């Protein structure tokens, strides 16, 4: 009985693991896009406001 409970938990963890891996990769791609793409010109939110 204990072995079936452990095996069931392992298979459920595998399903969740693939979803979490996809979300992690999506977060990395969006972070790279935010940091590597240049800011838009004349955008009031990204302009340099130094005096």
Protein backbone atom coordinates (compact mmCIF):
# COMPACT_ATOMS: atom_id res chain seq x y z
CA UNK A 1 0.00 0.00 0.00
CA UNK A 2 2.76 2.44 0.89
CA UNK A 3 4.53 1.73 -2.39
CA UNK A 4 1.44 2.60 -4.41
CA UNK A 5 1.04 5.87 -2.51
CA UNK A 6 4.68 6.77 -3.18
CA UNK A 7 4.42 5.81 -6.84
CA UNK A 8 1.26 7.89 -7.24
CA UNK A 9 3.00 10.87 -5.67
CA UNK A 10 5.98 10.48 -7.99
CA UNK A 11 3.78 10.50 -11.09
CA UNK A 12 1.87 13.54 -9.88
CA UNK A 13 5.16 15.33 -9.24
CA UNK A 14 6.28 14.61 -12.81
CA UNK A 15 3.16 16.26 -14.23
CA UNK A 16 3.68 19.35 -12.09
CA UNK A 17 7.40 19.41 -12.84
CA UNK A 18 6.90 19.78 -16.58
CA UNK A 19 4.46 22.64 -16.05
CA UNK A 20 6.83 24.40 -13.68
CA UNK A 21 9.70 23.94 -16.11
CA UNK A 22 7.68 25.55 -18.91
CA UNK A 23 6.74 28.48 -16.67
CA UNK A 24 10.36 28.90 -15.58
CA UNK A 25 11.56 28.99 -19.19
CA UNK A 26 8.84 31.51 -20.08
CA UNK A 27 9.95 33.74 -17.20
CA UNK A 28 13.58 33.53 -18.33
CA UNK A 29 12.67 34.45 -21.90
CA UNK A 30 10.63 37.44 -20.79
CA UNK A 31 13.39 38.59 -18.43
CA UNK A 32 15.94 38.37 -21.24
CA UNK A 33 13.63 40.34 -23.53
CA UNK A 34 13.14 43.07 -20.94
CA UNK A 35 16.85 43.43 -20.22
CA UNK A 36 18.28 43.03 -23.72
CA UNK A 37 15.81 44.92 -25.91
CA UNK A 38 16.49 48.64 -26.18
CA UNK A 39 13.93 51.05 -24.72
CA UNK A 40 11.54 52.87 -27.04
CA UNK A 41 12.39 56.43 -27.97
CA UNK A 42 10.41 59.28 -26.41
CA UNK A 43 8.71 56.96 -23.96
CA UNK A 44 7.95 58.94 -20.76
CA UNK A 45 8.24 55.81 -18.65
CA UNK A 46 11.76 54.89 -19.79
CA UNK A 47 13.38 58.25 -20.45
CA UNK A 48 16.36 59.39 -18.44
CA UNK A 49 15.21 61.94 -15.86
CA UNK A 50 18.58 63.06 -14.54
CA UNK A 51 18.92 66.83 -14.07
